[in-house]
Amino acid sequence: MFIVTVSFKLKNTENLKNKFIETAAIYKNTKGLIRKNYIINKETNVAGGVYLFDNSENAYNWFDQERIDFLSKRYSNPTINYFECPIEVNNESKQINIF
């Protein structure tokens, strides 16, 4: 498993949920993407996403220069962080998964 966090600073977060809804369908067929969570911090005007991919190759391929340019134009220049996820505690399934 591989996690990517993306964040960007905004002038305000008004109507941001609607902007997120506009792009949600893009992620339905993203290769290797297991889940994406949109995130907003209204106090600091920071927003972005948390992505769970099946592997690092699919994560890095998704965040190519074209994707970064899209995010920059739509919101602002993103900060992107990549993380290996060696262990998951899943309270829904009551399991601890080791990858």
C-alpha atoms as a PDB file:
ATOM      1  CA  MET A   1       0.000   0.000   0.000  1.00  0.00           C
ATOM      2  CA  PHE A   2       1.095   3.523  -0.718  1.00  0.00           C
ATOM      3  CA  ILE A   3      -0.322   6.841   0.518  1.00  0.00           C
ATOM      4  CA  VAL A   4      -0.056  10.251  -1.123  1.00  0.00           C
ATOM      5  CA  THR A   5      -1.077  13.471   0.589  1.00  0.00           C
ATOM      6  CA  VAL A   6      -1.731  16.572  -1.462  1.00  0.00           C
ATOM      7  CA  SER A   7      -2.369  19.997   0.022  1.00  0.00           C
ATOM      8  CA  PHE A   8      -2.729  23.481  -1.361  1.00  0.00           C
ATOM      9  CA  LYS A   9      -3.396  26.914   0.094  1.00  0.00           C
ATOM     10  CA  LEU A  10      -6.547  28.763  -0.961  1.00  0.00           C
ATOM     11  CA  LYS A  11      -7.848  32.305  -0.581  1.00  0.00           C
ATOM     12  CA  ASN A  12     -11.034  30.830   0.880  1.00  0.00           C
ATOM     13  CA  THR A  13     -12.817  27.497   1.062  1.00  0.00           C
ATOM     14  CA  GLU A  14     -16.279  28.705   0.023  1.00  0.00           C
ATOM     15  CA  ASN A  15     -17.948  26.427  -2.534  1.00  0.00           C
ATOM     16  CA  LEU A  16     -14.932  24.114  -2.398  1.00  0.00           C
ATOM     17  CA  LYS A  17     -17.099  21.064  -1.793  1.00  0.00           C
ATOM     18  CA  ASN A  18     -18.826  21.737  -5.126  1.00  0.00           C
ATOM     19  CA  LYS A  19     -15.463  21.993  -6.889  1.00  0.00           C
ATOM     20  CA  PHE A  20     -14.489  18.660  -5.387  1.00  0.00           C
ATOM     21  CA  ILE A  21     -17.759  17.087  -6.545  1.00  0.00           C
ATOM     22  CA  GLU A  22     -16.968  18.278 -10.097  1.00  0.00           C
ATOM     23  CA  THR A  23     -13.746  16.237 -10.145  1.00  0.00           C
ATOM     24  CA  ALA A  24     -14.768  13.186  -8.112  1.00  0.00           C
ATOM     25  CA  ALA A  25     -15.660  11.068 -11.158  1.00  0.00           C
ATOM     26  CA  ILE A  26     -12.110  11.442 -12.515  1.00  0.00           C
ATOM     27  CA  TYR A  27     -10.859   9.146  -9.771  1.00  0.00           C
ATOM     28  CA  LYS A  28     -13.288   6.271 -10.381  1.00  0.00           C
ATOM     29  CA  ASN A  29     -10.985   4.699 -12.975  1.00  0.00           C
ATOM     30  CA  THR A  30      -7.565   5.804 -11.717  1.00  0.00           C
ATOM     31  CA  LYS A  31      -5.172   2.880 -12.054  1.00  0.00           C
ATOM     32  CA  GLY A  32      -4.286   1.439  -8.653  1.00  0.00           C
ATOM     33  CA  LEU A  33      -6.285   3.956  -6.631  1.00  0.00           C
ATOM     34  CA  ILE A  34      -8.104   2.243  -3.790  1.00  0.00           C
ATOM     35  CA  ARG A  35      -9.549   5.331  -2.120  1.00  0.00           C
ATOM     36  CA  LYS A  36      -9.365   9.105  -2.233  1.00  0.00           C
ATOM     37  CA  ASN A  37     -10.507  11.398   0.558  1.00  0.00           C
ATOM     38  CA  TYR A  38     -10.925  15.102  -0.103  1.00  0.00           C
ATOM     39  CA  ILE A  39      -9.836  17.244   2.847  1.00  0.00           C
ATOM     40  CA  ILE A  40     -10.503  20.842   3.920  1.00  0.00           C
ATOM     41  CA  ASN A  41      -9.260  22.915   6.851  1.00  0.00           C
ATOM     42  CA  LYS A  42     -11.466  26.010   6.852  1.00  0.00           C
ATOM     43  CA  GLU A  43      -9.469  27.673   9.627  1.00  0.00           C
ATOM     44  CA  THR A  44      -6.226  27.710   7.630  1.00  0.00           C
ATOM     45  CA  ASN A  45      -7.706  27.712   4.079  1.00  0.00           C
ATOM     46  CA  VAL A  46      -5.796  24.554   3.225  1.00  0.00           C
ATOM     47  CA  ALA A  47      -7.390  21.757   1.237  1.00  0.00           C
ATOM     48  CA  GLY A  48      -6.336  18.721  -0.747  1.00  0.00           C
ATOM     49  CA  GLY A  49      -6.626  14.975  -0.757  1.00  0.00           C
ATOM     50  CA  VAL A  50      -5.390  11.754   0.770  1.00  0.00           C
ATOM     51  CA  TYR A  51      -4.929   8.951  -1.751  1.00  0.00           C
ATOM     52  CA  LEU A  52      -4.474   5.258  -1.046  1.00  0.00           C
ATOM     53  CA  PHE A  53      -2.823   3.411  -3.938  1.00  0.00           C
ATOM     54  CA  ASP A  54      -1.991  -0.254  -4.363  1.00  0.00           C
ATOM     55  CA  ASN A  55       1.687   0.564  -5.045  1.00  0.00           C
ATOM     56  CA  SER A  56       4.171   3.400  -5.477  1.00  0.00           C
ATOM     57  CA  GLU A  57       4.426   3.025  -9.262  1.00  0.00           C
ATOM     58  CA  ASN A  58       0.740   3.802  -9.765  1.00  0.00           C
ATOM     59  CA  ALA A  59       0.935   6.695  -7.303  1.00  0.00           C
ATOM     60  CA  TYR A  60       3.912   8.335  -8.986  1.00  0.00           C
ATOM     61  CA  ASN A  61       2.434   7.742 -12.452  1.00  0.00           C
ATOM     62  CA  TRP A  62      -0.807   9.465 -11.441  1.00  0.00           C
ATOM     63  CA  PHE A  63       0.972  12.544 -10.127  1.00  0.00           C
ATOM     64  CA  ASP A  64       2.821  13.359 -13.336  1.00  0.00           C
ATOM     65  CA  GLN A  65       3.539  16.927 -14.464  1.00  0.00           C
ATOM     66  CA  GLU A  66       0.191  17.167 -16.261  1.00  0.00           C
ATOM     67  CA  ARG A  67      -1.676  16.334 -13.018  1.00  0.00           C
ATOM     68  CA  ILE A  68       0.431  18.802 -11.020  1.00  0.00           C
ATOM     69  CA  ASP A  69      -0.273  21.526 -13.598  1.00  0.00           C
ATOM     70  CA  PHE A  70      -4.006  20.745 -13.404  1.00  0.00           C
ATOM     71  CA  LEU A  71      -4.010  21.059  -9.604  1.00  0.00           C
ATOM     72  CA  SER A  72      -1.945  24.249  -9.731  1.00  0.00           C
ATOM     73  CA  LYS A  73      -4.287  25.900 -12.220  1.00  0.00           C
ATOM     74  CA  ARG A  74      -7.485  24.768 -10.485  1.00  0.00           C
ATOM     75  CA  TYR A  75      -6.441  25.483  -6.875  1.00  0.00           C
ATOM     76  CA  SER A  76      -2.801  26.543  -6.287  1.00  0.00           C
ATOM     77  CA  ASN A  77       0.637  24.923  -6.361  1.00  0.00           C
ATOM     78  CA  PRO A  78       0.288  21.659  -4.449  1.00  0.00           C
ATOM     79  CA  THR A  79       2.539  20.151  -1.845  1.00  0.00           C
ATOM     80  CA  ILE A  80       2.730  16.423  -2.532  1.00  0.00           C
ATOM     81  CA  ASN A  81       4.084  13.867  -0.060  1.00  0.00           C
ATOM     82  CA  TYR A  82       4.580  10.149  -0.717  1.00  0.00           C
ATOM     83  CA  PHE A  83       4.515   7.463   1.985  1.00  0.00           C
ATOM     84  CA  GLU A  84       4.862   3.707   2.149  1.00  0.00           C
ATOM     85  CA  CYS A  85       2.106   2.141   4.243  1.00  0.00           C
ATOM     86  CA  PRO A  86       3.504  -1.038   5.824  1.00  0.00           C
ATOM     87  CA  ILE A  87       0.678  -1.618   8.337  1.00  0.00           C
ATOM     88  CA  GLU A  88      -3.011  -0.742   8.417  1.00  0.00           C
ATOM     89  CA  VAL A  89      -5.357  -0.930  11.393  1.00  0.00           C
ATOM     90  CA  ASN A  90      -8.835  -1.416   9.915  1.00  0.00           C
ATOM     91  CA  ASN A  91     -11.522  -1.007  12.547  1.00  0.00           C
ATOM     92  CA  GLU A  92     -14.328  -1.756  10.077  1.00  0.00           C
ATOM     93  CA  SER A  93     -13.034  -5.253   9.378  1.00  0.00           C
ATOM     94  CA  LYS A  94     -11.451  -5.539  12.840  1.00  0.00           C
ATOM     95  CA  GLN A  95      -8.150  -6.504  11.203  1.00  0.00           C
ATOM     96  CA  ILE A  96      -4.541  -5.422  11.298  1.00  0.00           C
ATOM     97  CA  ASN A  97      -3.131  -5.752   7.792  1.00  0.00           C
ATOM     98  CA  ILE A  98       0.621  -6.033   7.184  1.00  0.00           C
ATOM     99  CA  PHE A  99       1.815  -5.318   3.656  1.00  0.00           C
END
